[in-house]
């Protein structure tokens, strides 16, 4: 039987910090270059750059992440897999019994344990 494991991945703080600095540079470019030359497009540019800067700054310095989180959980085995594994174990047990490596009492005891796990 597999153990359930949970892994959470959050964006790297260093990468988020670098992206925040780059976002800040783009905000400055928007304020001093793009807005004076293009007007409305420059405002949109600057707002998007500010959003990138703030989100990445929060990811770099905050306790929680606003970015994507990936959760990975092992799924428990389905009933079919358990039955297949049990069938394999029963076949191996039968082979040991047929070869005389275990006594009939040991065979019956172990067989009962495997069947009770189903």
Protein backbone atom coordinates (compact mmCIF):
# COMPACT_ATOMS: atom_id res chain seq x y z
CA UNK A 1 0.00 0.00 0.00
CA UNK A 2 1.41 3.39 -0.98
CA UNK A 3 1.65 6.24 1.49
CA UNK A 4 -0.13 9.46 0.55
CA UNK A 5 2.25 12.35 0.07
CA UNK A 6 1.48 16.00 -0.55
CA UNK A 7 3.90 18.41 -2.17
CA UNK A 8 3.21 22.12 -2.63
CA UNK A 9 5.30 24.12 -5.07
CA UNK A 10 5.43 27.90 -4.88
CA UNK A 11 7.41 30.29 -7.08
CA UNK A 12 11.00 30.85 -5.98
CA UNK A 13 11.51 33.98 -3.84
CA UNK A 14 14.71 34.95 -5.65
CA UNK A 15 13.10 34.72 -9.08
CA UNK A 16 10.08 36.65 -7.80
CA UNK A 17 12.39 39.35 -6.44
CA UNK A 18 14.18 39.66 -9.78
CA UNK A 19 10.85 39.84 -11.60
CA UNK A 20 9.72 42.56 -9.18
CA UNK A 21 12.83 44.65 -9.95
CA UNK A 22 12.26 44.18 -13.69
CA UNK A 23 8.62 45.20 -13.19
CA UNK A 24 9.82 48.34 -11.37
CA UNK A 25 12.11 49.18 -14.31
CA UNK A 26 9.17 48.79 -16.69
CA UNK A 27 7.03 51.07 -14.50
CA UNK A 28 9.73 53.74 -14.68
CA UNK A 29 9.97 53.28 -18.44
CA UNK A 30 6.20 53.63 -18.66
CA UNK A 31 6.14 56.81 -16.59
CA UNK A 32 9.02 58.60 -18.27
CA UNK A 33 9.11 57.21 -21.82
CA UNK A 34 5.96 55.36 -22.91
CA UNK A 35 3.22 57.61 -21.42
CA UNK A 36 4.69 60.87 -22.80
CA UNK A 37 5.05 59.35 -26.29
CA UNK A 38 1.89 57.23 -26.62
CA UNK A 39 -0.62 58.48 -24.07
CA UNK A 40 -3.30 55.86 -23.33
CA UNK A 41 -1.20 52.90 -24.40
CA UNK A 42 1.49 54.09 -22.01
CA UNK A 43 -0.99 54.16 -19.13
CA UNK A 44 -2.00 50.54 -19.85
CA UNK A 45 1.70 49.60 -20.14
CA UNK A 46 2.46 51.20 -16.79
CA UNK A 47 -0.52 49.62 -15.01
CA UNK A 48 0.38 46.14 -16.26
CA UNK A 49 4.01 46.69 -15.25
CA UNK A 50 2.89 47.86 -11.79
CA UNK A 51 0.72 44.75 -11.37
CA UNK A 52 3.66 42.51 -12.35
CA UNK A 53 5.90 44.35 -9.91
CA UNK A 54 3.43 44.14 -7.01
CA UNK A 55 2.51 40.48 -7.49
CA UNK A 56 6.13 39.38 -7.73
CA UNK A 57 7.14 41.64 -4.86
CA UNK A 58 4.49 40.05 -2.66
CA UNK A 59 5.61 36.58 -3.74
CA UNK A 60 9.21 37.47 -2.89
CA UNK A 61 8.53 39.08 0.49
CA UNK A 62 5.15 37.80 1.63
CA UNK A 63 4.38 34.65 3.58
CA UNK A 64 1.90 33.36 1.04
CA UNK A 65 2.09 33.29 -2.71
CA UNK A 66 -0.34 34.92 -5.12
CA UNK A 67 1.08 32.88 -7.95
CA UNK A 68 0.20 29.37 -8.96
CA UNK A 69 0.59 26.60 -6.44
CA UNK A 70 0.95 23.03 -7.56
CA UNK A 71 -0.35 20.33 -5.23
CA UNK A 72 0.76 16.77 -5.91
CA UNK A 73 -0.87 13.93 -4.04
CA UNK A 74 -0.29 10.25 -4.57
CA UNK A 75 -3.55 8.53 -5.21
CA UNK A 76 -4.32 5.49 -3.13
CA UNK A 77 -4.25 2.31 -5.16
CA UNK A 78 -7.56 1.27 -6.62
CA UNK A 79 -9.23 -1.94 -5.60
CA UNK A 80 -8.09 -3.68 -8.80
CA UNK A 81 -4.43 -3.06 -8.02
CA UNK A 82 -4.84 -4.43 -4.49
CA UNK A 83 -6.52 -7.56 -5.83
CA UNK A 84 -3.75 -8.03 -8.40
CA UNK A 85 -1.07 -7.64 -5.75
CA UNK A 86 -2.95 -10.04 -3.46
CA UNK A 87 -3.27 -12.56 -6.29
CA UNK A 88 0.47 -12.36 -6.90
CA UNK A 89 1.18 -12.83 -3.21
CA UNK A 90 -1.20 -15.80 -3.02
CA UNK A 91 0.45 -17.38 -6.07
CA UNK A 92 3.90 -16.92 -4.50
CA UNK A 93 2.62 -18.35 -1.23
CA UNK A 94 1.17 -21.36 -3.06
CA UNK A 95 4.51 -21.91 -4.81
CA UNK A 96 6.36 -21.86 -1.48
CA UNK A 97 3.87 -24.36 -0.06
CA UNK A 98 4.13 -26.65 -3.10
CA UNK A 99 7.93 -26.65 -2.88
CA UNK A 100 7.69 -27.60 0.81
CA UNK A 101 9.40 -24.46 2.05
CA UNK A 102 6.55 -23.59 4.43
CA UNK A 103 4.30 -25.83 6.51
CA UNK A 104 0.56 -26.20 5.85
CA UNK A 105 -0.13 -24.25 9.05
CA UNK A 106 2.10 -21.36 7.93
CA UNK A 107 0.47 -21.46 4.50
CA UNK A 108 -3.06 -21.26 5.93
CA UNK A 109 -2.12 -18.51 8.38
CA UNK A 110 -0.45 -16.33 5.74
CA UNK A 111 -3.22 -17.03 3.21
CA UNK A 112 -5.80 -15.87 5.77
CA UNK A 113 -3.81 -12.66 6.37
CA UNK A 114 -3.62 -11.86 2.66
CA UNK A 115 -7.32 -12.51 2.15
CA UNK A 116 -8.27 -10.42 5.20
CA UNK A 117 -6.39 -7.43 3.71
CA UNK A 118 -8.77 -7.36 0.71
